[in-house]
Amino acid sequence: MEKLKECIICNHKYFNKFIDCKDYFLSEEVFSICECRNCGFKFTNPRPLPDNLPGYYDPNEYLSYTNSKKGFLSSIYQLVKNITIRRKYLAINKLFSTGTILDIGCGTGDFLN
């Protein structure tokens, strides 16, 4: 794990713990999310090293990596995904009529499409 000493957005050196969250999907690890006191950016700290990131995503189990509708669970996932994408779109469209979106961890990119 890599402990960050400053915000990766504004380089401010002070941040607060925002929340601890558990990876229920695969690793069962608890991660701390910090919030920069200057710009408000939230980030994992400490964060996994780049070489360790693939271990957090099992491609055989991680449905966000696929658009497959093979099997009951995959079909249900795709249905729910489409509903949530529509809800996100409507919520964002109410707030912003123009602009760009940065979607970190966007899976297959369906929301951006």
Protein backbone atom coordinates (compact mmCIF):
# COMPACT_ATOMS: atom_id res chain seq x y z
CA MET A 1 0.00 0.00 0.00
CA GLU A 2 1.09 3.55 -0.75
CA LYS A 3 0.34 6.28 1.83
CA LEU A 4 -0.34 9.59 0.11
CA LYS A 5 1.00 12.68 1.84
CA GLU A 6 -0.79 15.23 -0.35
CA CYS A 7 -3.89 15.55 -2.48
CA ILE A 8 -3.35 14.28 -6.03
CA ILE A 9 -5.51 17.12 -7.39
CA CYS A 10 -4.28 20.28 -5.63
CA ASN A 11 -1.18 19.04 -3.70
CA HIS A 12 -2.65 20.24 -0.38
CA LYS A 13 -1.03 18.39 2.52
CA TYR A 14 -4.02 18.22 4.86
CA PHE A 15 -7.01 15.92 4.59
CA ASN A 16 -9.52 14.23 6.87
CA LYS A 17 -10.75 10.67 6.95
CA PHE A 18 -14.12 10.72 5.19
CA ILE A 19 -15.23 7.11 5.56
CA ASP A 20 -13.98 3.54 5.88
CA CYS A 21 -15.48 1.09 3.42
CA LYS A 22 -15.12 -2.65 3.00
CA ASP A 23 -14.57 -4.44 -0.29
CA TYR A 24 -17.35 -7.00 0.00
CA PHE A 25 -16.81 -8.09 -3.58
CA LEU A 26 -13.46 -9.85 -3.46
CA SER A 27 -10.70 -8.90 -1.03
CA GLU A 28 -12.73 -8.28 2.18
CA GLU A 29 -10.24 -5.47 2.94
CA VAL A 30 -11.27 -2.21 4.57
CA PHE A 31 -10.19 0.94 2.73
CA SER A 32 -10.07 4.48 4.10
CA ILE A 33 -11.40 7.30 1.95
CA CYS A 34 -9.91 10.70 2.75
CA GLU A 35 -11.19 14.15 1.80
CA CYS A 36 -8.84 16.99 0.93
CA ARG A 37 -9.43 19.99 3.21
CA ASN A 38 -8.65 22.36 0.34
CA CYS A 39 -10.46 21.08 -2.78
CA GLY A 40 -12.78 18.41 -1.33
CA PHE A 41 -11.45 15.61 -3.56
CA LYS A 42 -12.01 12.18 -2.02
CA PHE A 43 -9.46 9.42 -2.50
CA THR A 44 -8.35 6.06 -1.14
CA ASN A 45 -5.47 6.46 1.31
CA PRO A 46 -3.42 4.40 1.64
CA ARG A 47 -4.03 3.07 -1.83
CA PRO A 48 -2.98 -0.21 -3.45
CA LEU A 49 0.19 -0.17 -5.51
CA PRO A 50 -0.37 -0.30 -9.29
CA ASP A 51 1.05 -3.81 -9.56
CA ASN A 52 -1.50 -5.06 -7.01
CA LEU A 53 -4.62 -3.55 -8.66
CA PRO A 54 -5.47 -6.57 -10.86
CA GLY A 55 -5.92 -8.65 -7.70
CA TYR A 56 -8.95 -6.55 -6.75
CA TYR A 57 -10.83 -7.41 -9.94
CA ASP A 58 -11.55 -11.05 -10.70
CA PRO A 59 -12.66 -10.95 -14.35
CA ASN A 60 -14.61 -14.19 -13.92
CA GLU A 61 -16.78 -12.69 -11.20
CA TYR A 62 -16.74 -8.96 -11.94
CA LEU A 63 -19.92 -8.33 -13.93
CA SER A 64 -19.00 -4.69 -14.65
CA TYR A 65 -16.43 -5.97 -17.14
CA THR A 66 -18.97 -7.55 -19.44
CA ASN A 67 -22.12 -6.87 -21.40
CA SER A 68 -22.96 -10.57 -21.41
CA LYS A 69 -26.53 -11.67 -20.81
CA LYS A 70 -25.59 -15.33 -20.50
CA GLY A 71 -27.15 -16.83 -17.41
CA PHE A 72 -29.77 -15.56 -15.02
CA LEU A 73 -27.47 -13.41 -12.85
CA SER A 74 -25.87 -11.68 -15.85
CA SER A 75 -29.29 -10.94 -17.37
CA ILE A 76 -30.57 -9.46 -14.10
CA TYR A 77 -27.35 -7.43 -13.73
CA GLN A 78 -27.75 -5.96 -17.24
CA LEU A 79 -31.38 -5.03 -16.54
CA VAL A 80 -30.53 -3.31 -13.26
CA LYS A 81 -27.50 -1.62 -14.85
CA ASN A 82 -29.68 -0.10 -17.59
CA ILE A 83 -32.17 1.18 -15.03
CA THR A 84 -29.45 2.79 -12.91
CA ILE A 85 -27.75 4.30 -15.96
CA ARG A 86 -31.04 5.94 -16.93
CA ARG A 87 -31.53 7.30 -13.39
CA LYS A 88 -27.98 8.69 -13.30
CA TYR A 89 -28.49 10.31 -16.68
CA LEU A 90 -31.73 12.00 -15.60
CA ALA A 91 -30.22 13.21 -12.31
CA ILE A 92 -27.14 14.69 -13.98
CA ASN A 93 -29.18 16.18 -16.81
CA LYS A 94 -31.28 18.09 -14.25
CA LEU A 95 -28.14 19.69 -12.82
CA PHE A 96 -26.07 20.26 -15.96
CA SER A 97 -27.24 20.78 -19.52
CA THR A 98 -23.72 20.95 -21.02
CA GLY A 99 -20.24 19.84 -20.08
CA THR A 100 -18.14 16.74 -19.81
CA ILE A 101 -18.09 13.82 -17.39
CA LEU A 102 -15.18 11.95 -15.88
CA ASP A 103 -16.38 8.49 -14.85
CA ILE A 104 -13.68 6.72 -12.85
CA GLY A 105 -14.22 2.99 -12.66
CA CYS A 106 -16.69 3.03 -15.53
CA GLY A 107 -16.62 -0.72 -16.26
CA THR A 108 -17.68 -1.16 -19.87
CA GLY A 109 -18.32 2.58 -20.34
CA ASP A 110 -22.06 2.14 -20.88
CA PHE A 111 -22.93 5.18 -18.75
CA LEU A 112 -20.57 7.39 -20.75
CA ASN A 113 -22.10 6.14 -23.98
